[in-house]
Amino acid sequence: MTQEPTGAAQQRGEDGPGRTEGVGGVLDAIEQAVVVARAMPMSSSVLVNRAEILELVEQVREALPAQLERADEVLADADAARRAAHAEAEAVLDDARARAAALVEQEAVVHEAQARAAHLVAEAEETAQRLRREADDYCDRRLADFEIDLGKVLSQVQAGRAKLAGRLQPPAGS
């Protein structure tokens, strides 16, 4: 008879599985349940507590919407930052146009005002383009981070499902 580590019965959920935070935590709990499960004699199969594993799978299902909701929040934040940058760029353009119009109205410096106005508009358009690029770069970085996080979550879920599938298949020769 193999010796169980201290607390293994509790980790297997014999007293009921605890709530684990996040998809990664739940997958860790599933892995731990398999690691500490009692081995079947002369087999690579183990006995796991069905209720515990089903509870952990349910926790994964409950955690995924929270992860997706957070992703929506990240996208909303990125979109808000992009909109703010675009609004700031428009304000800079409006200000440049207003300055240009005021300069043109001055009779003594009409020619200089036109040149200055054109320069201000060009500078404002460059600033607006830069702000747009920075906002788009920020959005892209946030989406890339989110894509990486979702990829990790997907890999963990697939690995957990593969382990479960491996345990659900009857051993060869049975």
Protein backbone atom coordinates (compact mmCIF):
# COMPACT_ATOMS: atom_id res chain seq x y z
CA MET A 1 0.00 0.00 0.00
CA THR A 2 1.40 3.39 -0.97
CA GLN A 3 1.71 6.17 1.57
CA GLU A 4 -0.30 9.30 0.73
CA PRO A 5 1.28 12.69 1.34
CA THR A 6 -0.07 14.71 4.22
CA GLY A 7 -3.38 16.28 3.24
CA ALA A 8 -3.71 14.15 0.07
CA ALA A 9 -7.19 13.00 1.05
CA GLN A 10 -8.23 16.60 1.41
CA GLN A 11 -6.50 17.53 -1.85
CA ARG A 12 -8.40 14.73 -3.59
CA GLY A 13 -11.59 16.33 -2.37
CA GLU A 14 -12.72 13.74 0.10
CA ASP A 15 -13.78 16.65 2.27
CA GLY A 16 -14.99 18.51 -0.86
CA PRO A 17 -12.93 20.56 -3.31
CA GLY A 18 -12.27 24.17 -2.39
CA ARG A 19 -12.88 27.06 -4.75
CA THR A 20 -9.79 27.78 -6.81
CA GLU A 21 -9.19 31.16 -8.42
CA GLY A 22 -8.82 31.39 -12.19
CA VAL A 23 -8.61 28.79 -14.91
CA GLY A 24 -4.92 28.12 -14.21
CA GLY A 25 -5.61 27.48 -10.53
CA VAL A 26 -8.42 25.06 -11.33
CA LEU A 27 -6.24 23.20 -13.84
CA ASP A 28 -3.52 22.98 -11.18
CA ALA A 29 -6.10 21.49 -8.80
CA ILE A 30 -7.13 18.91 -11.43
CA GLU A 31 -3.49 18.01 -11.99
CA GLN A 32 -2.92 17.71 -8.23
CA ALA A 33 -5.99 15.44 -7.92
CA VAL A 34 -4.51 13.11 -10.55
CA VAL A 35 -1.02 13.23 -9.00
CA VAL A 36 -2.20 12.26 -5.52
CA ALA A 37 -4.85 9.78 -6.70
CA ARG A 38 -4.49 6.19 -5.59
CA ALA A 39 -2.89 4.00 -8.28
CA MET A 40 -4.62 0.85 -9.48
CA PRO A 41 -2.49 -2.27 -8.95
CA MET A 42 -0.48 -3.34 -12.00
CA SER A 43 -1.85 -0.45 -14.09
CA SER A 44 -1.10 3.14 -14.93
CA SER A 45 -4.71 4.00 -14.07
CA VAL A 46 -5.66 5.86 -10.92
CA LEU A 47 -8.84 6.30 -8.94
CA VAL A 48 -10.05 9.88 -8.78
CA ASN A 49 -13.02 11.33 -7.02
CA ARG A 50 -15.60 11.89 -9.76
CA ALA A 51 -17.44 14.60 -7.81
CA GLU A 52 -14.20 16.48 -7.22
CA ILE A 53 -13.13 16.39 -10.88
CA LEU A 54 -16.61 17.37 -12.06
CA GLU A 55 -16.62 20.26 -9.56
CA LEU A 56 -13.23 21.41 -10.86
CA VAL A 57 -14.43 21.18 -14.47
CA GLU A 58 -17.45 23.28 -13.47
CA GLN A 59 -15.09 25.83 -11.90
CA VAL A 60 -13.22 26.05 -15.22
CA ARG A 61 -16.52 26.69 -16.98
CA GLU A 62 -17.35 29.39 -14.44
CA ALA A 63 -13.91 31.01 -14.67
CA LEU A 64 -13.81 31.26 -18.47
CA PRO A 65 -16.60 33.87 -18.71
CA ALA A 66 -14.74 35.97 -16.14
CA GLN A 67 -11.56 35.72 -18.23
CA LEU A 68 -13.53 36.66 -21.35
CA GLU A 69 -15.19 39.54 -19.50
CA ARG A 70 -11.75 40.81 -18.51
CA ALA A 71 -10.70 40.55 -22.15
CA ASP A 72 -13.71 42.67 -23.13
CA GLU A 73 -12.66 45.22 -20.50
CA VAL A 74 -9.13 45.32 -21.93
CA LEU A 75 -10.54 45.84 -25.41
CA ALA A 76 -12.87 48.58 -24.14
CA ASP A 77 -9.94 50.29 -22.39
CA ALA A 78 -7.84 50.11 -25.55
CA ASP A 79 -10.72 51.46 -27.61
CA ALA A 80 -11.27 54.30 -25.14
CA ALA A 81 -7.56 55.18 -25.30
CA ARG A 82 -7.72 55.17 -29.09
CA ARG A 83 -10.83 57.39 -29.10
CA ALA A 84 -9.19 59.80 -26.62
CA ALA A 85 -6.08 60.01 -28.80
CA HIS A 86 -8.20 60.66 -31.87
CA ALA A 87 -10.18 63.34 -30.01
CA GLU A 88 -6.94 64.96 -28.85
CA ALA A 89 -5.63 64.90 -32.41
CA GLU A 90 -8.82 66.56 -33.66
CA ALA A 91 -8.54 69.20 -30.93
CA VAL A 92 -4.95 69.88 -31.98
CA LEU A 93 -6.10 70.22 -35.59
CA ASP A 94 -8.97 72.53 -34.62
CA ASP A 95 -6.60 74.65 -32.56
CA ALA A 96 -4.15 74.84 -35.45
CA ARG A 97 -6.91 75.84 -37.83
CA ALA A 98 -8.13 78.51 -35.41
CA ARG A 99 -4.61 79.87 -35.04
CA ALA A 100 -4.15 79.82 -38.78
CA ALA A 101 -7.40 81.74 -39.33
CA ALA A 102 -6.42 84.35 -36.72
CA LEU A 103 -3.05 84.87 -38.37
CA VAL A 104 -4.59 85.28 -41.80
CA GLU A 105 -6.88 88.02 -40.51
CA GLN A 106 -3.98 90.26 -39.58
CA GLU A 107 -3.35 92.51 -42.61
CA ALA A 108 0.26 93.36 -41.88
CA VAL A 109 1.44 89.76 -41.78
CA VAL A 110 -0.85 88.01 -44.24
CA HIS A 111 1.93 86.32 -46.14
CA GLU A 112 3.80 85.25 -43.00
CA ALA A 113 0.54 84.17 -41.40
CA GLN A 114 -0.29 81.91 -44.32
CA ALA A 115 3.12 80.27 -44.14
CA ARG A 116 2.88 79.89 -40.37
CA ALA A 117 -0.66 78.55 -40.64
CA ALA A 118 0.42 75.95 -43.16
CA HIS A 119 3.28 74.96 -40.89
CA LEU A 120 0.93 74.69 -37.88
CA VAL A 121 -1.55 72.60 -39.85
CA ALA A 122 1.25 70.30 -41.07
CA GLU A 123 2.65 70.04 -37.56
CA ALA A 124 -0.81 69.35 -36.17
CA GLU A 125 -1.44 66.71 -38.81
CA GLU A 126 1.90 65.07 -37.99
CA THR A 127 0.99 65.15 -34.30
CA ALA A 128 -2.43 63.71 -35.09
CA GLN A 129 -0.85 60.94 -37.18
CA ARG A 130 1.65 60.19 -34.42
CA LEU A 131 -1.12 60.06 -31.80
CA ARG A 132 -3.17 57.77 -34.03
CA ARG A 133 -0.17 55.47 -34.57
CA GLU A 134 0.57 55.41 -30.84
CA ALA A 135 -3.07 54.65 -30.04
CA ASP A 136 -3.16 51.88 -32.65
CA ASP A 137 0.18 50.48 -31.36
CA TYR A 138 -1.19 50.52 -27.80
CA CYS A 139 -4.34 48.69 -28.91
CA ASP A 140 -2.24 46.15 -30.82
CA ARG A 141 0.03 45.51 -27.82
CA ARG A 142 -2.96 45.03 -25.51
CA LEU A 143 -4.60 42.66 -28.00
CA ALA A 144 -1.32 40.74 -28.40
CA ASP A 145 -1.03 40.37 -24.61
CA PHE A 146 -4.61 39.19 -24.49
CA GLU A 147 -3.97 36.76 -27.34
CA ILE A 148 -0.99 35.31 -25.44
CA ASP A 149 -3.05 34.97 -22.24
CA LEU A 150 -5.87 33.24 -24.09
CA GLY A 151 -3.36 30.95 -25.81
CA LYS A 152 -1.97 29.92 -22.43
CA VAL A 153 -5.45 29.33 -21.05
CA LEU A 154 -6.35 27.30 -24.14
CA SER A 155 -3.17 25.21 -23.81
CA GLN A 156 -3.92 24.52 -20.15
CA VAL A 157 -7.51 23.55 -20.91
CA GLN A 158 -6.41 21.27 -23.75
CA ALA A 159 -3.77 19.63 -21.55
CA GLY A 160 -6.31 19.10 -18.78
CA ARG A 161 -8.81 17.62 -21.21
CA ALA A 162 -6.13 15.37 -22.71
CA LYS A 163 -5.26 14.04 -19.23
CA LEU A 164 -8.91 13.44 -18.50
CA ALA A 165 -9.42 11.74 -21.86
CA GLY A 166 -6.43 9.51 -21.17
CA ARG A 167 -7.93 8.42 -17.87
CA LEU A 168 -11.35 7.86 -19.37
CA GLN A 169 -10.08 5.38 -21.98
CA PRO A 170 -10.00 1.80 -20.73
CA PRO A 171 -6.47 0.36 -20.49
CA ALA A 172 -5.36 -1.82 -23.39
CA GLY A 173 -6.05 -5.47 -22.84
CA SER A 174 -8.97 -4.97 -20.46
